[in-house]
Amino acid sequence: MIENHACAITLFKVAFIKEDELKKGLVESIEEGKRNRIEKQYGITRTTETAAKNQRGKAVDFVTELNGYIEGISSDTVELVRRVIEEQVK
């Protein structure tokens, strides 16, 4: 399990988005959410209810898309993603 959010986001970019397995906008929305969380957690600004609802919606979209992807993933795609990750780690 990946405990570092930046690492997980990079993994999605390298393994899934680069190979057009998932929509690019999904990762961008999660990156935005991560930036917003850090800013709100460690900064001095507050978020509006509208912004929070918007980010929650993006998170739900991400999870929904990912669940659909996982349900339909083939063993060939799993191998492709593994190869992509292994190439990046070298």
C-alpha atoms as a PDB file:
ATOM      1  CA  MET A   1       0.000   0.000   0.000  1.00  0.00           C
ATOM      2  CA  ILE A   2       1.245   3.479  -0.842  1.00  0.00           C
ATOM      3  CA  GLU A   3       1.146   5.826   2.125  1.00  0.00           C
ATOM      4  CA  ASN A   4       2.670   8.835   0.372  1.00  0.00           C
ATOM      5  CA  HIS A   5       0.017  10.709  -1.608  1.00  0.00           C
ATOM      6  CA  ALA A   6       2.539  12.280  -3.973  1.00  0.00           C
ATOM      7  CA  CYS A   7       3.901   8.819  -4.764  1.00  0.00           C
ATOM      8  CA  ALA A   8       0.425   7.462  -5.454  1.00  0.00           C
ATOM      9  CA  ILE A   9      -0.405  10.371  -7.753  1.00  0.00           C
ATOM     10  CA  THR A  10       2.857   9.902  -9.652  1.00  0.00           C
ATOM     11  CA  LEU A  11       2.114   6.203 -10.016  1.00  0.00           C
ATOM     12  CA  PHE A  12      -1.237   7.014 -11.584  1.00  0.00           C
ATOM     13  CA  LYS A  13       0.378   9.466 -13.985  1.00  0.00           C
ATOM     14  CA  VAL A  14       3.128   7.075 -15.036  1.00  0.00           C
ATOM     15  CA  ALA A  15       1.232   3.822 -15.145  1.00  0.00           C
ATOM     16  CA  PHE A  16      -2.336   4.677 -16.031  1.00  0.00           C
ATOM     17  CA  ILE A  17      -2.582   8.130 -17.562  1.00  0.00           C
ATOM     18  CA  LYS A  18       0.515   7.773 -19.764  1.00  0.00           C
ATOM     19  CA  GLU A  19      -0.972   4.617 -21.244  1.00  0.00           C
ATOM     20  CA  ASP A  20      -4.392   6.292 -21.667  1.00  0.00           C
ATOM     21  CA  GLU A  21      -6.009   3.857 -19.256  1.00  0.00           C
ATOM     22  CA  LEU A  22      -7.682   6.629 -17.259  1.00  0.00           C
ATOM     23  CA  LYS A  23      -8.695  10.203 -18.018  1.00  0.00           C
ATOM     24  CA  LYS A  24      -5.968  12.783 -17.439  1.00  0.00           C
ATOM     25  CA  GLY A  25      -8.398  15.121 -15.668  1.00  0.00           C
ATOM     26  CA  LEU A  26      -8.902  12.594 -12.881  1.00  0.00           C
ATOM     27  CA  VAL A  27      -5.349  12.896 -11.638  1.00  0.00           C
ATOM     28  CA  GLU A  28      -5.398  16.661 -12.040  1.00  0.00           C
ATOM     29  CA  SER A  29      -8.467  16.854  -9.803  1.00  0.00           C
ATOM     30  CA  ILE A  30      -6.786  14.712  -7.144  1.00  0.00           C
ATOM     31  CA  GLU A  31      -3.629  16.856  -7.340  1.00  0.00           C
ATOM     32  CA  GLU A  32      -5.789  19.930  -6.835  1.00  0.00           C
ATOM     33  CA  GLY A  33      -7.469  18.289  -3.855  1.00  0.00           C
ATOM     34  CA  LYS A  34      -4.102  17.429  -2.335  1.00  0.00           C
ATOM     35  CA  ARG A  35      -2.878  21.020  -2.753  1.00  0.00           C
ATOM     36  CA  ASN A  36      -6.101  22.340  -1.245  1.00  0.00           C
ATOM     37  CA  ARG A  37      -5.903  19.983   1.728  1.00  0.00           C
ATOM     38  CA  ILE A  38      -2.309  20.951   2.451  1.00  0.00           C
ATOM     39  CA  GLU A  39      -3.125  24.644   2.146  1.00  0.00           C
ATOM     40  CA  LYS A  40      -6.111  24.353   4.454  1.00  0.00           C
ATOM     41  CA  GLN A  41      -4.382  22.068   6.938  1.00  0.00           C
ATOM     42  CA  TYR A  42      -1.127  23.997   7.233  1.00  0.00           C
ATOM     43  CA  GLY A  43      -2.028  27.440   5.893  1.00  0.00           C
ATOM     44  CA  ILE A  44      -4.161  30.207   7.268  1.00  0.00           C
ATOM     45  CA  THR A  45      -6.908  30.251   4.644  1.00  0.00           C
ATOM     46  CA  ARG A  46     -10.311  28.669   4.973  1.00  0.00           C
ATOM     47  CA  THR A  47     -12.316  26.919   2.301  1.00  0.00           C
ATOM     48  CA  THR A  48     -15.847  27.798   1.305  1.00  0.00           C
ATOM     49  CA  GLU A  49     -18.684  25.311   1.468  1.00  0.00           C
ATOM     50  CA  THR A  50     -18.993  25.549  -2.317  1.00  0.00           C
ATOM     51  CA  ALA A  51     -15.305  24.751  -2.849  1.00  0.00           C
ATOM     52  CA  ALA A  52     -15.527  21.832  -0.420  1.00  0.00           C
ATOM     53  CA  LYS A  53     -18.606  20.430  -2.203  1.00  0.00           C
ATOM     54  CA  ASN A  54     -16.848  20.813  -5.554  1.00  0.00           C
ATOM     55  CA  GLN A  55     -13.762  18.936  -4.318  1.00  0.00           C
ATOM     56  CA  ARG A  56     -15.883  16.183  -2.763  1.00  0.00           C
ATOM     57  CA  GLY A  57     -17.647  15.771  -6.110  1.00  0.00           C
ATOM     58  CA  LYS A  58     -14.314  15.429  -7.880  1.00  0.00           C
ATOM     59  CA  ALA A  59     -13.211  12.816  -5.349  1.00  0.00           C
ATOM     60  CA  VAL A  60     -16.418  10.838  -5.906  1.00  0.00           C
ATOM     61  CA  ASP A  61     -15.884  11.043  -9.685  1.00  0.00           C
ATOM     62  CA  PHE A  62     -12.315   9.775  -9.250  1.00  0.00           C
ATOM     63  CA  VAL A  63     -13.362   6.813  -7.114  1.00  0.00           C
ATOM     64  CA  THR A  64     -16.272   5.966  -9.427  1.00  0.00           C
ATOM     65  CA  GLU A  65     -14.047   6.031 -12.511  1.00  0.00           C
ATOM     66  CA  LEU A  66     -11.366   4.009 -10.792  1.00  0.00           C
ATOM     67  CA  ASN A  67     -13.846   1.389  -9.561  1.00  0.00           C
ATOM     68  CA  GLY A  68     -15.233   1.009 -13.075  1.00  0.00           C
ATOM     69  CA  TYR A  69     -11.727   0.656 -14.444  1.00  0.00           C
ATOM     70  CA  ILE A  70     -10.745  -1.969 -11.882  1.00  0.00           C
ATOM     71  CA  GLU A  71     -13.873  -4.020 -12.547  1.00  0.00           C
ATOM     72  CA  GLY A  72     -13.079  -4.170 -16.254  1.00  0.00           C
ATOM     73  CA  ILE A  73      -9.300  -4.491 -16.123  1.00  0.00           C
ATOM     74  CA  SER A  74      -7.786  -7.318 -18.129  1.00  0.00           C
ATOM     75  CA  SER A  75      -4.693  -9.335 -17.288  1.00  0.00           C
ATOM     76  CA  ASP A  76      -3.012  -7.835 -20.372  1.00  0.00           C
ATOM     77  CA  THR A  77      -3.564  -4.349 -18.986  1.00  0.00           C
ATOM     78  CA  VAL A  78      -2.216  -5.390 -15.590  1.00  0.00           C
ATOM     79  CA  GLU A  79       0.956  -6.639 -17.285  1.00  0.00           C
ATOM     80  CA  LEU A  80       1.248  -3.442 -19.341  1.00  0.00           C
ATOM     81  CA  VAL A  81       0.959  -1.294 -16.232  1.00  0.00           C
ATOM     82  CA  ARG A  82       3.528  -3.442 -14.402  1.00  0.00           C
ATOM     83  CA  ARG A  83       5.980  -3.056 -17.284  1.00  0.00           C
ATOM     84  CA  VAL A  84       5.490   0.704 -17.364  1.00  0.00           C
ATOM     85  CA  ILE A  85       6.127   0.950 -13.622  1.00  0.00           C
ATOM     86  CA  GLU A  86       9.182  -1.294 -13.779  1.00  0.00           C
ATOM     87  CA  GLU A  87      10.659   0.799 -16.600  1.00  0.00           C
ATOM     88  CA  GLN A  88      10.199   3.979 -14.565  1.00  0.00           C
ATOM     89  CA  VAL A  89      11.784   2.472 -11.451  1.00  0.00           C
ATOM     90  CA  LYS A  90      14.989   1.421 -13.237  1.00  0.00           C
END
